Amino acid sequence: MIRINCPFCGERDHSEFGYGGDGSIEYPPLDASAEAWTQAVFERENIRGVQTESWQHVSGCRQWLLVERDTMTHEIHSVRAAHSGVAAVVEKEQQS
């Protein structure tokens, strides 16, 4: 069982989350070519080891998170808010 420590709701079972795919992909601008979009969406590496993934806490706060997870052991190394503005607020709250 995978447990994800949501920065907003605390540790929860992975069944509360929806997997959003590779979190390290930088998508092209909306007006980019079809080739650029095809490469970003479909042509990816199947990483063996630690990778950054996007997950949405659908049964909780509904925030998008970036989860650093080992694909071999399912060990979670870190969890942070996907949006930099939200991440800054969370970090400020944790320091208080």
PDB file of N, CA and C in Angstrom:
ATOM      1  N   MET A   1       0.850  -1.179   0.000  1.00  0.00           N
ATOM      2  CA  MET A   1       0.000   0.000   0.000  1.00  0.00           C
ATOM      3  C   MET A   1       0.897   1.244   0.000  1.00  0.00           C
ATOM      4  N   ILE A   2       0.571   2.192  -0.824  1.00  0.00           N
ATOM      5  CA  ILE A   2       1.312   3.447  -0.894  1.00  0.00           C
ATOM      6  C   ILE A   2       0.598   4.471  -0.027  1.00  0.00           C
ATOM      7  N   ARG A   3       1.345   5.152   0.812  1.00  0.00           N
ATOM      8  CA  ARG A   3       0.824   6.246   1.637  1.00  0.00           C
ATOM      9  C   ARG A   3       1.475   7.536   1.142  1.00  0.00           C
ATOM     10  N   ILE A   4       0.663   8.541   0.860  1.00  0.00           N
ATOM     11  CA  ILE A   4       1.144   9.832   0.375  1.00  0.00           C
ATOM     12  C   ILE A   4       0.874  10.869   1.445  1.00  0.00           C
ATOM     13  N   ASN A   5       1.924  11.595   1.815  1.00  0.00           N
ATOM     14  CA  ASN A   5       1.804  12.615   2.849  1.00  0.00           C
ATOM     15  C   ASN A   5       1.430  13.949   2.203  1.00  0.00           C
ATOM     16  N   CYS A   6       0.138  14.194   2.074  1.00  0.00           N
ATOM     17  CA  CYS A   6      -0.353  15.441   1.478  1.00  0.00           C
ATOM     18  C   CYS A   6       0.044  16.612   2.370  1.00  0.00           C
ATOM     19  N   PRO A   7       0.654  17.663   1.808  1.00  0.00           N
ATOM     20  CA  PRO A   7       1.047  18.808   2.634  1.00  0.00           C
ATOM     21  C   PRO A   7      -0.137  19.569   3.232  1.00  0.00           C
ATOM     22  N   PHE A   8      -1.339  19.319   2.719  1.00  0.00           N
ATOM     23  CA  PHE A   8      -2.531  20.011   3.200  1.00  0.00           C
ATOM     24  C   PHE A   8      -3.372  19.157   4.146  1.00  0.00           C
ATOM     25  N   CYS A   9      -3.427  17.848   3.905  1.00  0.00           N
ATOM     26  CA  CYS A   9      -4.333  16.963   4.643  1.00  0.00           C
ATOM     27  C   CYS A   9      -3.619  15.933   5.517  1.00  0.00           C
ATOM     28  N   GLY A  10      -2.317  15.797   5.358  1.00  0.00           N
ATOM     29  CA  GLY A  10      -1.577  14.791   6.105  1.00  0.00           C
ATOM     30  C   GLY A  10      -1.483  13.481   5.330  1.00  0.00           C
ATOM     31  N   GLU A  11      -0.987  12.445   5.985  1.00  0.00           N
ATOM     32  CA  GLU A  11      -0.751  11.163   5.332  1.00  0.00           C
ATOM     33  C   GLU A  11      -2.069  10.462   5.001  1.00  0.00           C
ATOM     34  N   ARG A  12      -2.187  10.019   3.743  1.00  0.00           N
ATOM     35  CA  ARG A  12      -3.401   9.368   3.275  1.00  0.00           C
ATOM     36  C   ARG A  12      -3.040   8.179   2.378  1.00  0.00           C
ATOM     37  N   ASP A  13      -3.987   7.262   2.218  1.00  0.00           N
ATOM     38  CA  ASP A  13      -3.810   6.126   1.327  1.00  0.00           C
ATOM     39  C   ASP A  13      -3.834   6.613  -0.125  1.00  0.00           C
ATOM     40  N   HIS A  14      -3.088   5.948  -0.978  1.00  0.00           N
ATOM     41  CA  HIS A  14      -3.009   6.374  -2.380  1.00  0.00           C
ATOM     42  C   HIS A  14      -4.358   6.290  -3.096  1.00  0.00           C
ATOM     43  N   SER A  15      -5.307   5.526  -2.555  1.00  0.00           N
ATOM     44  CA  SER A  15      -6.619   5.413  -3.197  1.00  0.00           C
ATOM     45  C   SER A  15      -7.392   6.730  -3.177  1.00  0.00           C
ATOM     46  N   GLU A  16      -6.958   7.684  -2.349  1.00  0.00           N
ATOM     47  CA  GLU A  16      -7.592   9.013  -2.315  1.00  0.00           C
ATOM     48  C   GLU A  16      -7.082   9.914  -3.430  1.00  0.00           C
ATOM     49  N   PHE A  17      -6.069   9.470  -4.160  1.00  0.00           N
ATOM     50  CA  PHE A  17      -5.392  10.306  -5.146  1.00  0.00           C
ATOM     51  C   PHE A  17      -5.602   9.773  -6.552  1.00  0.00           C
ATOM     52  N   GLY A  18      -5.554  10.675  -7.502  1.00  0.00           N
ATOM     53  CA  GLY A  18      -5.586  10.301  -8.911  1.00  0.00           C
ATOM     54  C   GLY A  18      -4.221  10.552  -9.517  1.00  0.00           C
ATOM     55  N   TYR A  19      -3.693   9.554 -10.224  1.00  0.00           N
ATOM     56  CA  TYR A  19      -2.384   9.666 -10.852  1.00  0.00           C
ATOM     57  C   TYR A  19      -2.479  10.556 -12.084  1.00  0.00           C
ATOM     58  N   GLY A  20      -1.577  11.519 -12.187  1.00  0.00           N
ATOM     59  CA  GLY A  20      -1.630  12.457 -13.299  1.00  0.00           C
ATOM     60  C   GLY A  20      -0.521  12.305 -14.313  1.00  0.00           C
ATOM     61  N   GLY A  21       0.396  11.360 -14.099  1.00  0.00           N
ATOM     62  CA  GLY A  21       1.463  11.148 -15.075  1.00  0.00           C
ATOM     63  C   GLY A  21       2.789  11.732 -14.638  1.00  0.00           C
ATOM     64  N   ASP A  22       3.697  11.771 -15.585  1.00  0.00           N
ATOM     65  CA  ASP A  22       5.055  12.254 -15.362  1.00  0.00           C
ATOM     66  C   ASP A  22       5.021  13.732 -14.996  1.00  0.00           C
ATOM     67  N   GLY A  23       5.522  14.056 -13.816  1.00  0.00           N
ATOM     68  CA  GLY A  23       5.494  15.435 -13.340  1.00  0.00           C
ATOM     69  C   GLY A  23       6.673  16.272 -13.782  1.00  0.00           C
ATOM     70  N   SER A  24       7.609  15.675 -14.520  1.00  0.00           N
ATOM     71  CA  SER A  24       8.796  16.430 -14.937  1.00  0.00           C
ATOM     72  C   SER A  24       8.667  16.995 -16.350  1.00  0.00           C
ATOM     73  N   ILE A  25       7.571  16.680 -17.018  1.00  0.00           N
ATOM     74  CA  ILE A  25       7.396  17.142 -18.399  1.00  0.00           C
ATOM     75  C   ILE A  25       7.044  18.624 -18.439  1.00  0.00           C
ATOM     76  N   GLU A  26       7.730  19.330 -19.304  1.00  0.00           N
ATOM     77  CA  GLU A  26       7.391  20.736 -19.560  1.00  0.00           C
ATOM     78  C   GLU A  26       6.630  20.764 -20.874  1.00  0.00           C
ATOM     79  N   TYR A  27       5.350  21.069 -20.790  1.00  0.00           N
ATOM     80  CA  TYR A  27       4.514  21.072 -21.983  1.00  0.00           C
ATOM     81  C   TYR A  27       4.798  22.309 -22.829  1.00  0.00           C
ATOM     82  N   PRO A  28       4.675  22.160 -24.156  1.00  0.00           N
ATOM     83  CA  PRO A  28       4.918  23.308 -25.045  1.00  0.00           C
ATOM     84  C   PRO A  28       3.780  24.311 -24.955  1.00  0.00           C
ATOM     85  N   PRO A  29       3.994  25.515 -25.487  1.00  0.00           N
ATOM     86  CA  PRO A  29       2.902  26.501 -25.517  1.00  0.00           C
ATOM     87  C   PRO A  29       1.736  25.985 -26.357  1.00  0.00           C
ATOM     88  N   LEU A  30       0.553  26.514 -26.116  1.00  0.00           N
ATOM     89  CA  LEU A  30      -0.650  26.045 -26.806  1.00  0.00           C
ATOM     90  C   LEU A  30      -0.551  26.127 -28.326  1.00  0.00           C
ATOM     91  N   ASP A  31       0.195  27.104 -28.832  1.00  0.00           N
ATOM     92  CA  ASP A  31       0.285  27.267 -30.287  1.00  0.00           C
ATOM     93  C   ASP A  31       1.468  26.508 -30.892  1.00  0.00           C
ATOM     94  N   ALA A  32       2.072  25.587 -30.137  1.00  0.00           N
ATOM     95  CA  ALA A  32       3.199  24.806 -30.642  1.00  0.00           C
ATOM     96  C   ALA A  32       2.734  23.824 -31.709  1.00  0.00           C
ATOM     97  N   SER A  33       3.696  23.294 -32.426  1.00  0.00           N
ATOM     98  CA  SER A  33       3.374  22.367 -33.521  1.00  0.00           C
ATOM     99  C   SER A  33       2.817  21.047 -32.984  1.00  0.00           C
ATOM    100  N   ALA A  34       2.154  20.318 -33.872  1.00  0.00           N
ATOM    101  CA  ALA A  34       1.627  18.998 -33.512  1.00  0.00           C
ATOM    102  C   ALA A  34       2.761  18.059 -33.125  1.00  0.00           C
ATOM    103  N   GLU A  35       3.915  18.198 -33.767  1.00  0.00           N
ATOM    104  CA  GLU A  35       5.075  17.366 -33.439  1.00  0.00           C
ATOM    105  C   GLU A  35       5.539  17.612 -32.006  1.00  0.00           C
ATOM    106  N   ALA A  36       5.570  18.864 -31.588  1.00  0.00           N
ATOM    107  CA  ALA A  36       6.006  19.200 -30.223  1.00  0.00           C
ATOM    108  C   ALA A  36       5.039  18.622 -29.201  1.00  0.00           C
ATOM    109  N   TRP A  37       3.743  18.714 -29.493  1.00  0.00           N
ATOM    110  CA  TRP A  37       2.739  18.160 -28.577  1.00  0.00           C
ATOM    111  C   TRP A  37       2.788  16.635 -28.554  1.00  0.00           C
ATOM    112  N   THR A  38       2.982  16.020 -29.706  1.00  0.00           N
ATOM    113  CA  THR A  38       3.083  14.559 -29.762  1.00  0.00           C
ATOM    114  C   THR A  38       4.261  14.083 -28.928  1.00  0.00           C
ATOM    115  N   GLN A  39       5.390  14.762 -29.061  1.00  0.00           N
ATOM    116  CA  GLN A  39       6.571  14.384 -28.293  1.00  0.00           C
ATOM    117  C   GLN A  39       6.328  14.550 -26.789  1.00  0.00           C
ATOM    118  N   ALA A  40       5.715  15.649 -26.371  1.00  0.00           N
ATOM    119  CA  ALA A  40       5.484  15.906 -24.948  1.00  0.00           C
ATOM    120  C   ALA A  40       4.475  14.943 -24.342  1.00  0.00           C
ATOM    121  N   VAL A  41       3.446  14.569 -25.103  1.00  0.00           N
ATOM    122  CA  VAL A  41       2.372  13.745 -24.559  1.00  0.00           C
ATOM    123  C   VAL A  41       2.653  12.251 -24.680  1.00  0.00           C
ATOM    124  N   PHE A  42       3.212  11.819 -25.804  1.00  0.00           N
ATOM    125  CA  PHE A  42       3.310  10.384 -26.070  1.00  0.00           C
ATOM    126  C   PHE A  42       4.714   9.791 -26.026  1.00  0.00           C
ATOM    127  N   GLU A  43       5.730  10.578 -26.308  1.00  0.00           N
ATOM    128  CA  GLU A  43       7.096  10.042 -26.403  1.00  0.00           C
ATOM    129  C   GLU A  43       7.856  10.321 -25.112  1.00  0.00           C
ATOM    130  N   ARG A  44       7.707   9.387 -24.169  1.00  0.00           N
ATOM    131  CA  ARG A  44       8.332   9.557 -22.858  1.00  0.00           C
ATOM    132  C   ARG A  44       9.185   8.353 -22.518  1.00  0.00           C
ATOM    133  N   GLU A  45      10.110   8.567 -21.597  1.00  0.00           N
ATOM    134  CA  GLU A  45      10.913   7.461 -21.096  1.00  0.00           C
ATOM    135  C   GLU A  45      10.153   6.739 -19.999  1.00  0.00           C
ATOM    136  N   ASN A  46      10.310   5.437 -19.948  1.00  0.00           N
ATOM    137  CA  ASN A  46       9.741   4.644 -18.869  1.00  0.00           C
ATOM    138  C   ASN A  46      10.841   4.521 -17.814  1.00  0.00           C
ATOM    139  N   ILE A  47      10.821   5.416 -16.845  1.00  0.00           N
ATOM    140  CA  ILE A  47      11.903   5.529 -15.878  1.00  0.00           C
ATOM    141  C   ILE A  47      11.862   4.365 -14.896  1.00  0.00           C
ATOM    142  N   ARG A  48      13.023   3.781 -14.665  1.00  0.00           N
ATOM    143  CA  ARG A  48      13.179   2.724 -13.677  1.00  0.00           C
ATOM    144  C   ARG A  48      13.965   3.334 -12.527  1.00  0.00           C
ATOM    145  N   GLY A  49      13.278   3.621 -11.437  1.00  0.00           N
ATOM    146  CA  GLY A  49      13.909   4.286 -10.303  1.00  0.00           C
ATOM    147  C   GLY A  49      13.092   5.491  -9.875  1.00  0.00           C
ATOM    148  N   VAL A  50      13.770   6.482  -9.331  1.00  0.00           N
ATOM    149  CA  VAL A  50      13.082   7.654  -8.784  1.00  0.00           C
ATOM    150  C   VAL A  50      12.655   8.594  -9.913  1.00  0.00           C
ATOM    151  N   GLN A  51      11.374   8.953  -9.893  1.00  0.00           N
ATOM    152  CA  GLN A  51      10.858   9.916 -10.861  1.00  0.00           C
ATOM    153  C   GLN A  51       9.861  10.844 -10.170  1.00  0.00           C
ATOM    154  N   THR A  52       9.623  11.981 -10.781  1.00  0.00           N
ATOM    155  CA  THR A  52       8.636  12.930 -10.280  1.00  0.00           C
ATOM    156  C   THR A  52       7.317  12.671 -11.002  1.00  0.00           C
ATOM    157  N   GLU A  53       6.252  12.512 -10.219  1.00  0.00           N
ATOM    158  CA  GLU A  53       4.925  12.232 -10.768  1.00  0.00           C
ATOM    159  C   GLU A  53       3.938  13.275 -10.259  1.00  0.00           C
ATOM    160  N   SER A  54       2.911  13.538 -11.036  1.00  0.00           N
ATOM    161  CA  SER A  54       1.844  14.422 -10.572  1.00  0.00           C
ATOM    162  C   SER A  54       0.679  13.558 -10.084  1.00  0.00           C
ATOM    163  N   TRP A  55       0.133  13.938  -8.945  1.00  0.00           N
ATOM    164  CA  TRP A  55      -1.021  13.266  -8.347  1.00  0.00           C
ATOM    165  C   TRP A  55      -1.987  14.338  -7.879  1.00  0.00           C
ATOM    166  N   GLN A  56      -3.286  14.079  -8.008  1.00  0.00           N
ATOM    167  CA  GLN A  56      -4.291  15.000  -7.478  1.00  0.00           C
ATOM    168  C   GLN A  56      -4.989  14.340  -6.301  1.00  0.00           C
ATOM    169  N   HIS A  57      -5.130  15.083  -5.207  1.00  0.00           N
ATOM    170  CA  HIS A  57      -5.799  14.555  -4.017  1.00  0.00           C
ATOM    171  C   HIS A  57      -7.305  14.720  -4.228  1.00  0.00           C
ATOM    172  N   VAL A  58      -7.877  13.832  -5.032  1.00  0.00           N
ATOM    173  CA  VAL A  58      -9.279  13.943  -5.445  1.00  0.00           C
ATOM    174  C   VAL A  58     -10.273  13.716  -4.310  1.00  0.00           C
ATOM    175  N   SER A  59      -9.916  12.922  -3.312  1.00  0.00           N
ATOM    176  CA  SER A  59     -10.834  12.658  -2.187  1.00  0.00           C
ATOM    177  C   SER A  59     -10.477  13.497  -0.968  1.00  0.00           C
ATOM    178  N   GLY A  60      -9.721  14.541  -1.191  1.00  0.00           N
ATOM    179  CA  GLY A  60      -9.318  15.417  -0.087  1.00  0.00           C
ATOM    180  C   GLY A  60      -9.372  16.866  -0.516  1.00  0.00           C
ATOM    181  N   CYS A  61      -8.235  17.525  -0.474  1.00  0.00           N
ATOM    182  CA  CYS A  61      -8.150  18.963  -0.745  1.00  0.00           C
ATOM    183  C   CYS A  61      -8.225  19.317  -2.233  1.00  0.00           C
ATOM    184  N   ARG A  62      -8.137  18.314  -3.120  1.00  0.00           N
ATOM    185  CA  ARG A  62      -8.188  18.456  -4.578  1.00  0.00           C
ATOM    186  C   ARG A  62      -6.979  19.167  -5.161  1.00  0.00           C
ATOM    187  N   GLN A  63      -5.945  19.361  -4.380  1.00  0.00           N
ATOM    188  CA  GLN A  63      -4.726  20.005  -4.868  1.00  0.00           C
ATOM    189  C   GLN A  63      -3.902  19.043  -5.712  1.00  0.00           C
ATOM    190  N   TRP A  64      -3.185  19.595  -6.681  1.00  0.00           N
ATOM    191  CA  TRP A  64      -2.229  18.821  -7.470  1.00  0.00           C
ATOM    192  C   TRP A  64      -0.901  18.830  -6.736  1.00  0.00           C
ATOM    193  N   LEU A  65      -0.271  17.661  -6.680  1.00  0.00           N
ATOM    194  CA  LEU A  65       0.986  17.490  -5.961  1.00  0.00           C
ATOM    195  C   LEU A  65       2.034  16.894  -6.886  1.00  0.00           C
ATOM    196  N   LEU A  66       3.300  17.208  -6.593  1.00  0.00           N
ATOM    197  CA  LEU A  66       4.410  16.551  -7.263  1.00  0.00           C
ATOM    198  C   LEU A  66       5.011  15.580  -6.262  1.00  0.00           C
ATOM    199  N   VAL A  67       4.981  14.307  -6.616  1.00  0.00           N
ATOM    200  CA  VAL A  67       5.433  13.237  -5.727  1.00  0.00           C
ATOM    201  C   VAL A  67       6.680  12.616  -6.341  1.00  0.00           C
ATOM    202  N   GLU A  68       7.758  12.603  -5.583  1.00  0.00           N
ATOM    203  CA  GLU A  68       8.981  11.936  -6.028  1.00  0.00           C
ATOM    204  C   GLU A  68       8.925  10.508  -5.499  1.00  0.00           C
ATOM    205  N   ARG A  69       8.784   9.523  -6.423  1.00  0.00           N
ATOM    206  CA  ARG A  69       8.538   8.133  -6.038  1.00  0.00           C
ATOM    207  C   ARG A  69       9.461   7.204  -6.806  1.00  0.00           C
ATOM    208  N   ASP A  70       9.931   6.161  -6.121  1.00  0.00           N
ATOM    209  CA  ASP A  70      10.748   5.132  -6.746  1.00  0.00           C
ATOM    210  C   ASP A  70       9.802   4.131  -7.418  1.00  0.00           C
ATOM    211  N   THR A  71       9.920   3.970  -8.718  1.00  0.00           N
ATOM    212  CA  THR A  71       9.018   3.086  -9.454  1.00  0.00           C
ATOM    213  C   THR A  71       9.288   1.608  -9.180  1.00  0.00           C
ATOM    214  N   MET A  72      10.425   1.284  -8.602  1.00  0.00           N
ATOM    215  CA  MET A  72      10.749  -0.118  -8.290  1.00  0.00           C
ATOM    216  C   MET A  72      10.218  -0.536  -6.916  1.00  0.00           C
ATOM    217  N   THR A  73      10.359   0.366  -5.928  1.00  0.00           N
ATOM    218  CA  THR A  73       9.984   0.018  -4.548  1.00  0.00           C
ATOM    219  C   THR A  73       8.709   0.718  -4.095  1.00  0.00           C
ATOM    220  N   HIS A  74       8.258   1.707  -4.835  1.00  0.00           N
ATOM    221  CA  HIS A  74       7.113   2.562  -4.506  1.00  0.00           C
ATOM    222  C   HIS A  74       7.384   3.457  -3.294  1.00  0.00           C
ATOM    223  N   GLU A  75       8.637   3.531  -2.847  1.00  0.00           N
ATOM    224  CA  GLU A  75       8.989   4.424  -1.740  1.00  0.00           C
ATOM    225  C   GLU A  75       8.832   5.870  -2.193  1.00  0.00           C
ATOM    226  N   ILE A  76       8.195   6.675  -1.351  1.00  0.00           N
ATOM    227  CA  ILE A  76       8.002   8.092  -1.656  1.00  0.00           C
ATOM    228  C   ILE A  76       9.101   8.891  -0.962  1.00  0.00           C
ATOM    229  N   HIS A  77       9.802   9.697  -1.764  1.00  0.00           N
ATOM    230  CA  HIS A  77      10.924  10.483  -1.252  1.00  0.00           C
ATOM    231  C   HIS A  77      10.513  11.899  -0.863  1.00  0.00           C
ATOM    232  N   SER A  78       9.565  12.470  -1.584  1.00  0.00           N
ATOM    233  CA  SER A  78       9.105  13.816  -1.244  1.00  0.00           C
ATOM    234  C   SER A  78       7.744  14.074  -1.872  1.00  0.00           C
ATOM    235  N   VAL A  79       7.018  15.015  -1.276  1.00  0.00           N
ATOM    236  CA  VAL A  79       5.712  15.447  -1.790  1.00  0.00           C
ATOM    237  C   VAL A  79       5.659  16.967  -1.625  1.00  0.00           C
ATOM    238  N   ARG A  80       5.264  17.662  -2.681  1.00  0.00           N
ATOM    239  CA  ARG A  80       5.135  19.125  -2.608  1.00  0.00           C
ATOM    240  C   ARG A  80       3.995  19.570  -3.511  1.00  0.00           C
ATOM    241  N   ALA A  81       3.499  20.761  -3.242  1.00  0.00           N
ATOM    242  CA  ALA A  81       2.437  21.318  -4.081  1.00  0.00           C
ATOM    243  C   ALA A  81       2.976  21.534  -5.492  1.00  0.00           C
ATOM    244  N   ALA A  82       2.166  21.230  -6.492  1.00  0.00           N
ATOM    245  CA  ALA A  82       2.599  21.353  -7.885  1.00  0.00           C
ATOM    246  C   ALA A  82       2.715  22.807  -8.328  1.00  0.00           C
ATOM    247  N   HIS A  83       1.857  23.666  -7.825  1.00  0.00           N
ATOM    248  CA  HIS A  83       1.859  25.080  -8.206  1.00  0.00           C
ATOM    249  C   HIS A  83       2.828  25.830  -7.294  1.00  0.00           C
ATOM    250  N   SER A  84       3.749  26.571  -7.866  1.00  0.00           N
ATOM    251  CA  SER A  84       4.780  27.247  -7.071  1.00  0.00           C
ATOM    252  C   SER A  84       4.195  28.253  -6.084  1.00  0.00           C
ATOM    253  N   GLY A  85       3.103  28.912  -6.437  1.00  0.00           N
ATOM    254  CA  GLY A  85       2.473  29.868  -5.517  1.00  0.00           C
ATOM    255  C   GLY A  85       1.901  29.179  -4.297  1.00  0.00           C
ATOM    256  N   VAL A  86       1.256  28.036  -4.503  1.00  0.00           N
ATOM    257  CA  VAL A  86       0.700  27.260  -3.397  1.00  0.00           C
ATOM    258  C   VAL A  86       1.838  26.704  -2.545  1.00  0.00           C
ATOM    259  N   ALA A  87       2.901  26.227  -3.193  1.00  0.00           N
ATOM    260  CA  ALA A  87       4.053  25.680  -2.469  1.00  0.00           C
ATOM    261  C   ALA A  87       4.678  26.735  -1.558  1.00  0.00           C
ATOM    262  N   ALA A  88       4.746  27.975  -2.017  1.00  0.00           N
ATOM    263  CA  ALA A  88       5.318  29.054  -1.209  1.00  0.00           C
ATOM    264  C   ALA A  88       4.465  29.325   0.023  1.00  0.00           C
ATOM    265  N   VAL A  89       3.146  29.288  -0.119  1.00  0.00           N
ATOM    266  CA  VAL A  89       2.246  29.492   1.015  1.00  0.00           C
ATOM    267  C   VAL A  89       2.404  28.366   2.034  1.00  0.00           C
ATOM    268  N   VAL A  90       2.477  27.127   1.545  1.00  0.00           N
ATOM    269  CA  VAL A  90       2.647  25.980   2.440  1.00  0.00           C
ATOM    270  C   VAL A  90       3.963  26.091   3.200  1.00  0.00           C
ATOM    271  N   GLU A  91       5.027  26.439   2.512  1.00  0.00           N
ATOM    272  CA  GLU A  91       6.340  26.579   3.156  1.00  0.00           C
ATOM    273  C   GLU A  91       6.315  27.676   4.207  1.00  0.00           C
ATOM    274  N   LYS A  92       5.668  28.789   3.913  1.00  0.00           N
ATOM    275  CA  LYS A  92       5.573  29.890   4.870  1.00  0.00           C
ATOM    276  C   LYS A  92       4.794  29.463   6.105  1.00  0.00           C
ATOM    277  N   GLU A  93       3.694  28.725   5.911  1.00  0.00           N
ATOM    278  CA  GLU A  93       2.882  28.232   7.030  1.00  0.00           C
ATOM    279  C   GLU A  93       3.675  27.266   7.907  1.00  0.00           C
ATOM    280  N   GLN A  94       4.493  26.420   7.289  1.00  0.00           N
ATOM    281  CA  GLN A  94       5.280  25.449   8.041  1.00  0.00           C
ATOM    282  C   GLN A  94       6.359  26.125   8.869  1.00  0.00           C
ATOM    283  N   GLN A  95       6.834  27.275   8.442  1.00  0.00           N
ATOM    284  CA  GLN A  95       7.878  27.999   9.165  1.00  0.00           C
ATOM    285  C   GLN A  95       7.294  28.757  10.357  1.00  0.00           C
ATOM    286  N   SER A  96       5.998  29.019  10.338  1.00  0.00           N
ATOM    287  CA  SER A  96       5.351  29.789  11.409  1.00  0.00           C
ATOM    288  C   SER A  96       5.116  28.960  12.633  1.00  0.00           C
TER     289      SER A  96
END
